[in-house]
Amino acid sequence: MNIIKTSIPDLVIIEPKAFEDDRGYFMEAYKESWFQENFPHIKFVQDNESKSERGVLRGLHFQKPPYAQTKLVRVIQGEVLDVAVDLRKDSPTYGQHESIILSAENKKQFLVPKGFAHGFIVLSETAIFSYKVDNPYAPEHDAGVLWNDPAFNIDWKLDESEILLSKKDAIQPLLSEIEKELV
C-alpha cells in the first residue's frame, strides 16, 4: 500500500495494490499489521457501510470528544467526492478542507483523523460507501457543520438542485456558530 500525503497534515490517501487479470482483481483492503506499523495510534472497532443514489450528500459529520472518530473510508461500488474539513482549532489548517474522488475503479482510501468533519456526495448512479471507525457511534456526541458553509467554499461537483440531503444535514450549524465548542 502507498501512503500519499495531502496539503493537510495527518490527512492521507492510501492506495492499496490491486492485482488484476482477466478474471478480475484481488487486493488487501485492510491489513492490521501494515496499518499498525504505519498508524500505531489507531485501532478500528467497527465497520460501517451505506448505499446511496446520485446526488445524496451525507455530511459534514463529526463526533465530539471523548467519542471523536478516526475514519478509514473507501468506495466499493460507484464514485463519490469525499471531503474532510479540519476542525482542530490549534491546527494551522483549521477550517481548510481536502477533497478526493473515491471510486470502485481507483480503489483509493481516505484516512480522516479525529478532529475533522467528514462528508461525501455520490457522483455515480449509486454508490456503496464503506468505512472503519476507531470509536462507535455515540448519539449524544454527534455533531456536524453545514455542508455549504461559505467558510469552506467546497465544490461538491454537482449543481445544488441535484443535491439530496437528510433533514438533519440541511439544518446543521455554520462553523462560526460552533467554533467555541471545538477543541
N, C-alpha and C. Protein backbone atom coordinates (compact mmCIF):
# COMPACT_ATOMS: atom_id res chain seq x y z
N MET A 1 0.84 -1.18 0.00
CA MET A 1 0.00 0.00 0.00
C MET A 1 0.88 1.24 0.00
N ASN A 2 0.43 2.25 -0.72
CA ASN A 2 1.14 3.51 -0.77
C ASN A 2 0.41 4.55 0.07
N ILE A 3 1.16 5.38 0.77
CA ILE A 3 0.60 6.48 1.55
C ILE A 3 0.90 7.76 0.80
N ILE A 4 -0.15 8.53 0.50
CA ILE A 4 0.00 9.80 -0.21
C ILE A 4 -0.41 10.92 0.72
N LYS A 5 0.51 11.85 0.98
CA LYS A 5 0.20 12.98 1.85
C LYS A 5 -0.67 13.99 1.11
N THR A 6 -1.47 14.71 1.86
CA THR A 6 -2.29 15.78 1.30
C THR A 6 -1.74 17.11 1.80
N SER A 7 -2.41 18.19 1.45
CA SER A 7 -1.97 19.51 1.88
C SER A 7 -2.25 19.75 3.36
N ILE A 8 -3.04 18.87 3.99
CA ILE A 8 -3.36 19.00 5.42
C ILE A 8 -2.66 17.87 6.17
N PRO A 9 -1.76 18.22 7.11
CA PRO A 9 -1.06 17.19 7.86
C PRO A 9 -2.03 16.21 8.54
N ASP A 10 -1.65 14.95 8.59
CA ASP A 10 -2.38 13.85 9.20
C ASP A 10 -3.52 13.32 8.33
N LEU A 11 -3.90 14.02 7.31
CA LEU A 11 -4.96 13.59 6.39
C LEU A 11 -4.26 12.95 5.19
N VAL A 12 -4.44 11.63 5.02
CA VAL A 12 -3.69 10.93 3.97
C VAL A 12 -4.60 10.07 3.09
N ILE A 13 -4.11 9.81 1.91
CA ILE A 13 -4.75 8.90 0.96
C ILE A 13 -3.94 7.61 0.99
N ILE A 14 -4.64 6.50 1.03
CA ILE A 14 -3.97 5.19 1.00
C ILE A 14 -4.37 4.50 -0.30
N GLU A 15 -3.36 4.08 -1.04
CA GLU A 15 -3.57 3.37 -2.31
C GLU A 15 -3.20 1.91 -2.14
N PRO A 16 -4.20 1.04 -2.05
CA PRO A 16 -3.88 -0.39 -1.98
C PRO A 16 -3.34 -0.87 -3.33
N LYS A 17 -2.59 -1.95 -3.29
CA LYS A 17 -2.10 -2.56 -4.53
C LYS A 17 -3.12 -3.59 -4.98
N ALA A 18 -3.64 -3.40 -6.17
CA ALA A 18 -4.60 -4.34 -6.73
C ALA A 18 -3.90 -5.18 -7.79
N PHE A 19 -4.12 -6.47 -7.73
CA PHE A 19 -3.55 -7.39 -8.70
C PHE A 19 -4.68 -7.81 -9.64
N GLU A 20 -4.58 -7.36 -10.89
CA GLU A 20 -5.66 -7.59 -11.85
C GLU A 20 -5.23 -8.56 -12.95
N ASP A 21 -6.20 -9.34 -13.40
CA ASP A 21 -6.01 -10.17 -14.58
C ASP A 21 -7.37 -10.32 -15.26
N ASP A 22 -7.46 -11.22 -16.21
CA ASP A 22 -8.71 -11.35 -16.97
C ASP A 22 -9.88 -11.87 -16.13
N ARG A 23 -9.63 -12.34 -14.92
CA ARG A 23 -10.69 -12.83 -14.04
C ARG A 23 -11.25 -11.72 -13.15
N GLY A 24 -10.52 -10.61 -13.02
CA GLY A 24 -10.92 -9.53 -12.11
C GLY A 24 -9.71 -9.02 -11.36
N TYR A 25 -9.85 -8.81 -10.06
CA TYR A 25 -8.74 -8.30 -9.27
C TYR A 25 -8.78 -8.87 -7.86
N PHE A 26 -7.64 -8.75 -7.16
CA PHE A 26 -7.52 -9.07 -5.75
C PHE A 26 -6.73 -7.94 -5.10
N MET A 27 -7.15 -7.54 -3.89
CA MET A 27 -6.38 -6.56 -3.13
C MET A 27 -6.63 -6.76 -1.65
N GLU A 28 -5.68 -6.34 -0.86
CA GLU A 28 -5.86 -6.28 0.59
C GLU A 28 -6.41 -4.89 0.89
N ALA A 29 -7.67 -4.80 1.27
CA ALA A 29 -8.26 -3.51 1.58
C ALA A 29 -7.79 -3.00 2.93
N TYR A 30 -7.51 -3.92 3.83
CA TYR A 30 -7.04 -3.56 5.16
C TYR A 30 -6.20 -4.70 5.69
N LYS A 31 -5.03 -4.38 6.22
CA LYS A 31 -4.17 -5.37 6.84
C LYS A 31 -3.70 -4.78 8.16
N GLU A 32 -4.15 -5.37 9.26
CA GLU A 32 -3.88 -4.79 10.57
C GLU A 32 -2.39 -4.58 10.83
N SER A 33 -1.54 -5.55 10.49
CA SER A 33 -0.11 -5.40 10.77
C SER A 33 0.48 -4.21 10.02
N TRP A 34 0.12 -4.04 8.74
CA TRP A 34 0.61 -2.90 7.98
C TRP A 34 0.09 -1.60 8.58
N PHE A 35 -1.19 -1.60 8.91
CA PHE A 35 -1.79 -0.39 9.44
C PHE A 35 -1.16 -0.01 10.78
N GLN A 36 -0.95 -0.98 11.66
CA GLN A 36 -0.34 -0.69 12.97
C GLN A 36 1.11 -0.23 12.83
N GLU A 37 1.79 -0.73 11.82
CA GLU A 37 3.17 -0.29 11.57
C GLU A 37 3.20 1.18 11.15
N ASN A 38 2.21 1.59 10.36
CA ASN A 38 2.18 2.95 9.83
C ASN A 38 1.36 3.93 10.65
N PHE A 39 0.36 3.44 11.36
CA PHE A 39 -0.53 4.28 12.18
C PHE A 39 -0.79 3.59 13.51
N PRO A 40 0.24 3.45 14.35
CA PRO A 40 0.10 2.64 15.58
C PRO A 40 -0.89 3.21 16.60
N HIS A 41 -1.24 4.46 16.49
CA HIS A 41 -2.14 5.09 17.46
C HIS A 41 -3.62 4.86 17.13
N ILE A 42 -3.91 4.15 16.03
CA ILE A 42 -5.30 3.95 15.61
C ILE A 42 -5.65 2.47 15.68
N LYS A 43 -6.78 2.18 16.35
CA LYS A 43 -7.28 0.80 16.40
C LYS A 43 -8.77 0.86 16.06
N PHE A 44 -9.11 0.27 14.93
CA PHE A 44 -10.50 0.31 14.48
C PHE A 44 -11.35 -0.69 15.26
N VAL A 45 -12.61 -0.27 15.53
CA VAL A 45 -13.50 -1.10 16.33
C VAL A 45 -14.80 -1.45 15.61
N GLN A 46 -15.06 -0.82 14.48
CA GLN A 46 -16.34 -1.02 13.81
C GLN A 46 -16.22 -0.73 12.32
N ASP A 47 -16.94 -1.51 11.51
CA ASP A 47 -17.07 -1.25 10.07
C ASP A 47 -18.50 -0.81 9.79
N ASN A 48 -18.65 0.22 8.96
CA ASN A 48 -19.96 0.72 8.55
C ASN A 48 -20.05 0.74 7.04
N GLU A 49 -21.27 0.69 6.52
CA GLU A 49 -21.48 0.70 5.08
C GLU A 49 -22.80 1.39 4.78
N SER A 50 -22.83 2.17 3.71
CA SER A 50 -24.07 2.80 3.26
C SER A 50 -24.18 2.69 1.75
N LYS A 51 -25.43 2.69 1.28
CA LYS A 51 -25.70 2.72 -0.15
C LYS A 51 -26.52 3.97 -0.40
N SER A 52 -26.16 4.72 -1.42
CA SER A 52 -26.84 5.97 -1.72
C SER A 52 -26.94 6.16 -3.23
N GLU A 53 -27.87 6.99 -3.64
CA GLU A 53 -28.08 7.29 -5.05
C GLU A 53 -27.40 8.61 -5.42
N ARG A 54 -27.29 8.84 -6.71
CA ARG A 54 -26.66 10.05 -7.23
C ARG A 54 -27.26 11.29 -6.56
N GLY A 55 -26.38 12.19 -6.14
CA GLY A 55 -26.80 13.44 -5.55
C GLY A 55 -26.96 13.41 -4.04
N VAL A 56 -26.96 12.23 -3.44
CA VAL A 56 -27.06 12.15 -1.98
C VAL A 56 -25.77 12.69 -1.38
N LEU A 57 -25.93 13.66 -0.49
CA LEU A 57 -24.79 14.24 0.23
C LEU A 57 -24.98 13.89 1.71
N ARG A 58 -24.00 13.23 2.25
CA ARG A 58 -24.01 12.87 3.68
C ARG A 58 -22.88 13.63 4.35
N GLY A 59 -23.24 14.54 5.24
CA GLY A 59 -22.20 15.30 5.93
C GLY A 59 -22.60 16.74 6.10
N LEU A 60 -21.78 17.44 6.69
CA LEU A 60 -20.44 17.17 7.19
C LEU A 60 -20.55 16.77 8.68
N HIS A 61 -20.15 15.56 9.02
CA HIS A 61 -20.36 15.00 10.35
C HIS A 61 -19.05 14.84 11.11
N PHE A 62 -19.18 14.87 12.43
CA PHE A 62 -18.09 14.50 13.33
C PHE A 62 -18.67 14.16 14.68
N GLN A 63 -17.87 13.54 15.53
CA GLN A 63 -18.27 13.28 16.90
C GLN A 63 -17.34 14.05 17.82
N LYS A 64 -17.93 14.58 18.89
CA LYS A 64 -17.17 15.34 19.88
C LYS A 64 -16.45 14.38 20.83
N PRO A 65 -15.31 14.84 21.38
CA PRO A 65 -14.60 14.04 22.37
C PRO A 65 -15.53 13.77 23.57
N PRO A 66 -15.36 12.65 24.24
CA PRO A 66 -14.29 11.67 24.07
C PRO A 66 -14.61 10.60 23.02
N TYR A 67 -15.63 10.82 22.21
CA TYR A 67 -16.02 9.83 21.20
C TYR A 67 -15.67 10.26 19.78
N ALA A 68 -14.72 11.17 19.64
CA ALA A 68 -14.26 11.58 18.31
C ALA A 68 -13.80 10.34 17.56
N GLN A 69 -13.93 10.37 16.24
CA GLN A 69 -13.62 9.20 15.43
C GLN A 69 -12.57 9.48 14.37
N THR A 70 -11.67 8.53 14.20
CA THR A 70 -10.84 8.44 13.00
C THR A 70 -11.60 7.52 12.06
N LYS A 71 -11.63 7.87 10.77
CA LYS A 71 -12.33 7.06 9.78
C LYS A 71 -11.37 6.67 8.66
N LEU A 72 -11.49 5.45 8.22
CA LEU A 72 -10.80 4.99 7.01
C LEU A 72 -11.90 4.66 6.02
N VAL A 73 -12.05 5.50 4.98
CA VAL A 73 -13.20 5.41 4.08
C VAL A 73 -12.78 4.95 2.69
N ARG A 74 -13.73 4.24 2.03
CA ARG A 74 -13.49 3.80 0.66
C ARG A 74 -14.83 3.53 -0.01
N VAL A 75 -14.80 3.40 -1.32
CA VAL A 75 -15.99 3.12 -2.11
C VAL A 75 -15.86 1.73 -2.71
N ILE A 76 -16.88 0.92 -2.52
CA ILE A 76 -16.89 -0.45 -3.04
C ILE A 76 -17.55 -0.49 -4.41
N GLN A 77 -18.57 0.36 -4.60
CA GLN A 77 -19.28 0.44 -5.89
C GLN A 77 -19.58 1.90 -6.18
N GLY A 78 -19.34 2.33 -7.41
CA GLY A 78 -19.66 3.69 -7.80
C GLY A 78 -18.54 4.68 -7.55
N GLU A 79 -18.94 5.95 -7.39
CA GLU A 79 -17.96 7.03 -7.26
C GLU A 79 -18.54 8.14 -6.39
N VAL A 80 -17.72 8.67 -5.48
CA VAL A 80 -18.12 9.79 -4.64
C VAL A 80 -17.02 10.84 -4.61
N LEU A 81 -17.42 12.05 -4.27
CA LEU A 81 -16.46 13.08 -3.88
C LEU A 81 -16.45 13.05 -2.37
N ASP A 82 -15.31 12.76 -1.79
CA ASP A 82 -15.18 12.67 -0.34
C ASP A 82 -14.47 13.92 0.16
N VAL A 83 -14.95 14.47 1.28
CA VAL A 83 -14.45 15.74 1.79
C VAL A 83 -14.16 15.64 3.28
N ALA A 84 -13.03 16.18 3.70
CA ALA A 84 -12.67 16.28 5.11
C ALA A 84 -12.31 17.74 5.41
N VAL A 85 -12.88 18.28 6.49
CA VAL A 85 -12.63 19.66 6.91
C VAL A 85 -11.93 19.64 8.25
N ASP A 86 -10.81 20.34 8.35
CA ASP A 86 -10.02 20.40 9.58
C ASP A 86 -10.74 21.29 10.60
N LEU A 87 -11.18 20.70 11.70
CA LEU A 87 -11.84 21.45 12.78
C LEU A 87 -10.98 21.50 14.05
N ARG A 88 -9.69 21.21 13.91
CA ARG A 88 -8.78 21.27 15.05
C ARG A 88 -8.36 22.72 15.24
N LYS A 89 -8.88 23.35 16.29
CA LYS A 89 -8.68 24.80 16.47
C LYS A 89 -7.21 25.21 16.54
N ASP A 90 -6.34 24.35 17.03
CA ASP A 90 -4.92 24.70 17.13
C ASP A 90 -4.12 24.35 15.88
N SER A 91 -4.80 23.89 14.85
CA SER A 91 -4.13 23.47 13.62
C SER A 91 -3.90 24.67 12.69
N PRO A 92 -2.75 24.73 12.01
CA PRO A 92 -2.52 25.79 11.03
C PRO A 92 -3.44 25.69 9.82
N THR A 93 -4.09 24.53 9.65
CA THR A 93 -5.01 24.35 8.52
C THR A 93 -6.48 24.34 8.99
N TYR A 94 -6.73 24.90 10.17
CA TYR A 94 -8.09 24.97 10.71
C TYR A 94 -9.04 25.62 9.69
N GLY A 95 -10.18 24.96 9.47
CA GLY A 95 -11.18 25.48 8.55
C GLY A 95 -10.92 25.13 7.09
N GLN A 96 -9.77 24.56 6.79
CA GLN A 96 -9.46 24.17 5.40
C GLN A 96 -9.98 22.76 5.14
N HIS A 97 -10.19 22.46 3.87
CA HIS A 97 -10.68 21.14 3.51
C HIS A 97 -9.84 20.51 2.41
N GLU A 98 -9.98 19.21 2.32
CA GLU A 98 -9.35 18.43 1.25
C GLU A 98 -10.46 17.56 0.67
N SER A 99 -10.46 17.43 -0.64
CA SER A 99 -11.45 16.55 -1.27
C SER A 99 -10.75 15.61 -2.24
N ILE A 100 -11.36 14.44 -2.42
CA ILE A 100 -10.78 13.41 -3.28
C ILE A 100 -11.92 12.60 -3.88
N ILE A 101 -11.70 12.18 -5.11
CA ILE A 101 -12.64 11.25 -5.75
C ILE A 101 -12.26 9.85 -5.27
N LEU A 102 -13.22 9.17 -4.66
CA LEU A 102 -13.05 7.77 -4.29
C LEU A 102 -13.99 6.96 -5.17
N SER A 103 -13.49 5.87 -5.71
CA SER A 103 -14.34 5.06 -6.59
C SER A 103 -13.95 3.59 -6.50
N ALA A 104 -14.87 2.76 -6.96
CA ALA A 104 -14.57 1.34 -7.04
C ALA A 104 -13.41 1.12 -8.00
N GLU A 105 -13.33 1.96 -9.01
CA GLU A 105 -12.26 1.82 -10.00
C GLU A 105 -10.89 2.19 -9.46
N ASN A 106 -10.77 3.35 -8.76
CA ASN A 106 -9.43 3.76 -8.31
C ASN A 106 -9.03 3.11 -6.98
N LYS A 107 -9.98 2.56 -6.24
CA LYS A 107 -9.73 1.80 -5.01
C LYS A 107 -9.01 2.59 -3.91
N LYS A 108 -8.92 3.90 -4.06
CA LYS A 108 -8.24 4.72 -3.05
C LYS A 108 -9.05 4.75 -1.76
N GLN A 109 -8.32 4.96 -0.66
CA GLN A 109 -8.92 5.10 0.65
C GLN A 109 -8.47 6.43 1.25
N PHE A 110 -9.30 6.99 2.10
CA PHE A 110 -9.02 8.29 2.70
C PHE A 110 -9.01 8.09 4.21
N LEU A 111 -7.90 8.44 4.85
CA LEU A 111 -7.78 8.34 6.30
C LEU A 111 -8.09 9.72 6.89
N VAL A 112 -9.22 9.79 7.58
CA VAL A 112 -9.72 11.06 8.14
C VAL A 112 -9.56 10.99 9.66
N PRO A 113 -8.60 11.73 10.22
CA PRO A 113 -8.33 11.65 11.66
C PRO A 113 -9.41 12.32 12.51
N LYS A 114 -9.32 12.05 13.80
CA LYS A 114 -10.15 12.76 14.78
C LYS A 114 -9.94 14.27 14.58
N GLY A 115 -10.98 15.04 14.82
CA GLY A 115 -10.85 16.49 14.69
C GLY A 115 -11.24 17.02 13.33
N PHE A 116 -11.74 16.16 12.46
CA PHE A 116 -12.17 16.56 11.13
C PHE A 116 -13.66 16.29 10.97
N ALA A 117 -14.35 17.20 10.28
CA ALA A 117 -15.71 16.91 9.82
C ALA A 117 -15.56 16.17 8.51
N HIS A 118 -16.48 15.26 8.24
CA HIS A 118 -16.38 14.41 7.06
C HIS A 118 -17.71 14.34 6.34
N GLY A 119 -17.66 14.28 5.01
CA GLY A 119 -18.87 14.09 4.23
C GLY A 119 -18.53 13.62 2.84
N PHE A 120 -19.56 13.19 2.13
CA PHE A 120 -19.36 12.78 0.74
C PHE A 120 -20.64 12.99 -0.05
N ILE A 121 -20.47 13.11 -1.37
CA ILE A 121 -21.60 13.20 -2.28
C ILE A 121 -21.43 12.15 -3.36
N VAL A 122 -22.53 11.49 -3.72
CA VAL A 122 -22.49 10.44 -4.73
C VAL A 122 -22.54 11.06 -6.12
N LEU A 123 -21.54 10.73 -6.94
CA LEU A 123 -21.45 11.25 -8.31
C LEU A 123 -21.94 10.25 -9.35
N SER A 124 -21.94 8.97 -9.01
CA SER A 124 -22.41 7.93 -9.93
C SER A 124 -23.89 7.67 -9.67
N GLU A 125 -24.49 6.76 -10.44
CA GLU A 125 -25.92 6.46 -10.24
C GLU A 125 -26.20 5.96 -8.84
N THR A 126 -25.36 5.08 -8.32
CA THR A 126 -25.41 4.63 -6.93
C THR A 126 -23.98 4.46 -6.45
N ALA A 127 -23.82 4.38 -5.14
CA ALA A 127 -22.50 4.10 -4.56
C ALA A 127 -22.68 3.33 -3.27
N ILE A 128 -21.77 2.40 -3.06
CA ILE A 128 -21.67 1.72 -1.77
C ILE A 128 -20.40 2.23 -1.12
N PHE A 129 -20.57 2.83 0.05
CA PHE A 129 -19.51 3.52 0.78
C PHE A 129 -19.23 2.71 2.05
N SER A 130 -17.97 2.40 2.29
CA SER A 130 -17.58 1.59 3.43
C SER A 130 -16.54 2.33 4.25
N TYR A 131 -16.67 2.22 5.59
CA TYR A 131 -15.65 2.87 6.41
C TYR A 131 -15.48 2.20 7.76
N LYS A 132 -14.26 2.28 8.23
CA LYS A 132 -13.89 1.79 9.55
C LYS A 132 -13.83 3.00 10.49
N VAL A 133 -14.16 2.79 11.76
CA VAL A 133 -14.06 3.85 12.76
C VAL A 133 -13.35 3.30 14.00
N ASP A 134 -12.70 4.20 14.73
CA ASP A 134 -11.99 3.76 15.93
C ASP A 134 -12.77 4.06 17.20
N ASN A 135 -14.00 4.55 17.08
CA ASN A 135 -14.91 4.76 18.20
C ASN A 135 -16.32 4.47 17.69
N PRO A 136 -17.15 3.82 18.47
CA PRO A 136 -18.51 3.56 17.99
C PRO A 136 -19.34 4.84 17.94
N TYR A 137 -20.46 4.76 17.26
CA TYR A 137 -21.39 5.88 17.19
C TYR A 137 -21.90 6.20 18.59
N ALA A 138 -21.86 7.47 18.95
CA ALA A 138 -22.33 7.94 20.25
C ALA A 138 -23.28 9.11 19.99
N PRO A 139 -24.58 8.86 19.93
CA PRO A 139 -25.55 9.90 19.54
C PRO A 139 -25.44 11.19 20.35
N GLU A 140 -25.12 11.08 21.63
CA GLU A 140 -25.02 12.28 22.46
C GLU A 140 -23.80 13.14 22.13
N HIS A 141 -22.87 12.61 21.33
CA HIS A 141 -21.67 13.34 20.93
C HIS A 141 -21.66 13.62 19.43
N ASP A 142 -22.76 13.30 18.77
CA ASP A 142 -22.91 13.51 17.33
C ASP A 142 -23.00 15.00 17.03
N ALA A 143 -22.31 15.45 15.99
CA ALA A 143 -22.31 16.87 15.63
C ALA A 143 -22.06 17.01 14.13
N GLY A 144 -22.18 18.23 13.67
CA GLY A 144 -21.92 18.49 12.26
C GLY A 144 -21.83 19.97 11.97
N VAL A 145 -21.43 20.28 10.75
CA VAL A 145 -21.43 21.64 10.24
C VAL A 145 -22.11 21.62 8.88
N LEU A 146 -22.66 22.75 8.50
CA LEU A 146 -23.43 22.85 7.27
C LEU A 146 -22.57 22.57 6.05
N TRP A 147 -23.05 21.71 5.18
CA TRP A 147 -22.33 21.25 4.00
C TRP A 147 -21.90 22.37 3.08
N ASN A 148 -22.69 23.45 2.99
CA ASN A 148 -22.36 24.56 2.09
C ASN A 148 -21.96 25.83 2.83
N ASP A 149 -21.39 25.67 4.01
CA ASP A 149 -20.90 26.81 4.78
C ASP A 149 -19.92 27.59 3.89
N PRO A 150 -20.17 28.89 3.69
CA PRO A 150 -19.27 29.69 2.85
C PRO A 150 -17.83 29.74 3.38
N ALA A 151 -17.64 29.47 4.65
CA ALA A 151 -16.29 29.46 5.22
C ALA A 151 -15.41 28.38 4.58
N PHE A 152 -16.03 27.33 4.06
CA PHE A 152 -15.27 26.21 3.49
C PHE A 152 -15.11 26.32 1.98
N ASN A 153 -16.08 26.90 1.30
CA ASN A 153 -16.03 27.04 -0.16
C ASN A 153 -15.76 25.70 -0.85
N ILE A 154 -16.54 24.69 -0.52
CA ILE A 154 -16.36 23.35 -1.09
C ILE A 154 -17.10 23.26 -2.43
N ASP A 155 -16.40 22.78 -3.43
CA ASP A 155 -17.02 22.49 -4.73
C ASP A 155 -17.48 21.04 -4.69
N TRP A 156 -18.79 20.83 -4.56
CA TRP A 156 -19.36 19.49 -4.43
C TRP A 156 -19.57 18.82 -5.79
N LYS A 157 -19.19 19.46 -6.87
CA LYS A 157 -19.20 18.88 -8.23
C LYS A 157 -20.58 18.71 -8.86
N LEU A 158 -21.66 18.92 -8.13
CA LEU A 158 -23.00 18.84 -8.68
C LEU A 158 -23.71 20.16 -8.44
N ASP A 159 -24.67 20.46 -9.29
CA ASP A 159 -25.49 21.64 -9.11
C ASP A 159 -26.31 21.46 -7.82
N GLU A 160 -26.51 22.56 -7.10
CA GLU A 160 -27.24 22.49 -5.83
C GLU A 160 -28.63 21.87 -6.00
N SER A 161 -29.25 22.04 -7.16
CA SER A 161 -30.58 21.47 -7.40
C SER A 161 -30.55 19.94 -7.46
N GLU A 162 -29.38 19.34 -7.66
CA GLU A 162 -29.24 17.88 -7.73
C GLU A 162 -28.93 17.25 -6.37
N ILE A 163 -28.64 18.07 -5.37
CA ILE A 163 -28.18 17.56 -4.08
C ILE A 163 -29.35 17.14 -3.20
N LEU A 164 -29.24 15.93 -2.66
CA LEU A 164 -30.27 15.36 -1.78
C LEU A 164 -29.70 15.27 -0.37
N LEU A 165 -30.38 15.92 0.58
CA LEU A 165 -29.91 15.99 1.97
C LEU A 165 -30.94 15.39 2.91
N SER A 166 -30.47 14.85 4.02
CA SER A 166 -31.37 14.47 5.10
C SER A 166 -31.83 15.76 5.77
N LYS A 167 -32.93 15.69 6.52
CA LYS A 167 -33.40 16.87 7.26
C LYS A 167 -32.31 17.36 8.21
N LYS A 168 -31.64 16.42 8.85
CA LYS A 168 -30.58 16.76 9.81
C LYS A 168 -29.44 17.53 9.12
N ASP A 169 -28.99 17.03 7.96
CA ASP A 169 -27.87 17.68 7.27
C ASP A 169 -28.25 19.04 6.69
N ALA A 170 -29.52 19.24 6.37
CA ALA A 170 -29.97 20.51 5.80
C ALA A 170 -29.95 21.65 6.81
N ILE A 171 -29.94 21.32 8.11
CA ILE A 171 -30.01 22.37 9.14
C ILE A 171 -28.81 22.39 10.08
N GLN A 172 -27.72 21.76 9.68
CA GLN A 172 -26.52 21.80 10.52
C GLN A 172 -26.08 23.25 10.70
N PRO A 173 -25.39 23.57 11.79
CA PRO A 173 -24.93 24.94 12.03
C PRO A 173 -23.72 25.31 11.16
N LEU A 174 -23.49 26.60 11.04
CA LEU A 174 -22.28 27.11 10.41
C LEU A 174 -21.11 26.92 11.36
N LEU A 175 -19.90 26.91 10.82
CA LEU A 175 -18.71 26.80 11.65
C LEU A 175 -18.67 27.93 12.68
N SER A 176 -19.01 29.13 12.26
CA SER A 176 -18.95 30.27 13.18
C SER A 176 -19.88 30.10 14.38
N GLU A 177 -20.91 29.29 14.23
CA GLU A 177 -21.87 29.07 15.32
C GLU A 177 -21.41 28.03 16.33
N ILE A 178 -20.44 27.21 15.96
CA ILE A 178 -19.98 26.15 16.87
C ILE A 178 -18.50 26.28 17.25
N GLU A 179 -17.81 27.28 16.74
CA GLU A 179 -16.37 27.42 16.97
C GLU A 179 -15.98 27.33 18.44
N LYS A 180 -16.76 27.95 19.29
CA LYS A 180 -16.42 27.97 20.73
C LYS A 180 -16.47 26.60 21.35
N GLU A 181 -17.21 25.67 20.75
CA GLU A 181 -17.35 24.31 21.29
C GLU A 181 -16.24 23.39 20.83
N LEU A 182 -15.48 23.79 19.82
CA LEU A 182 -14.45 22.90 19.26
C LEU A 182 -13.20 22.88 20.11
N VAL A 183 -12.53 21.74 20.04
CA VAL A 183 -11.31 21.55 20.82
C VAL A 183 -10.11 22.06 20.05
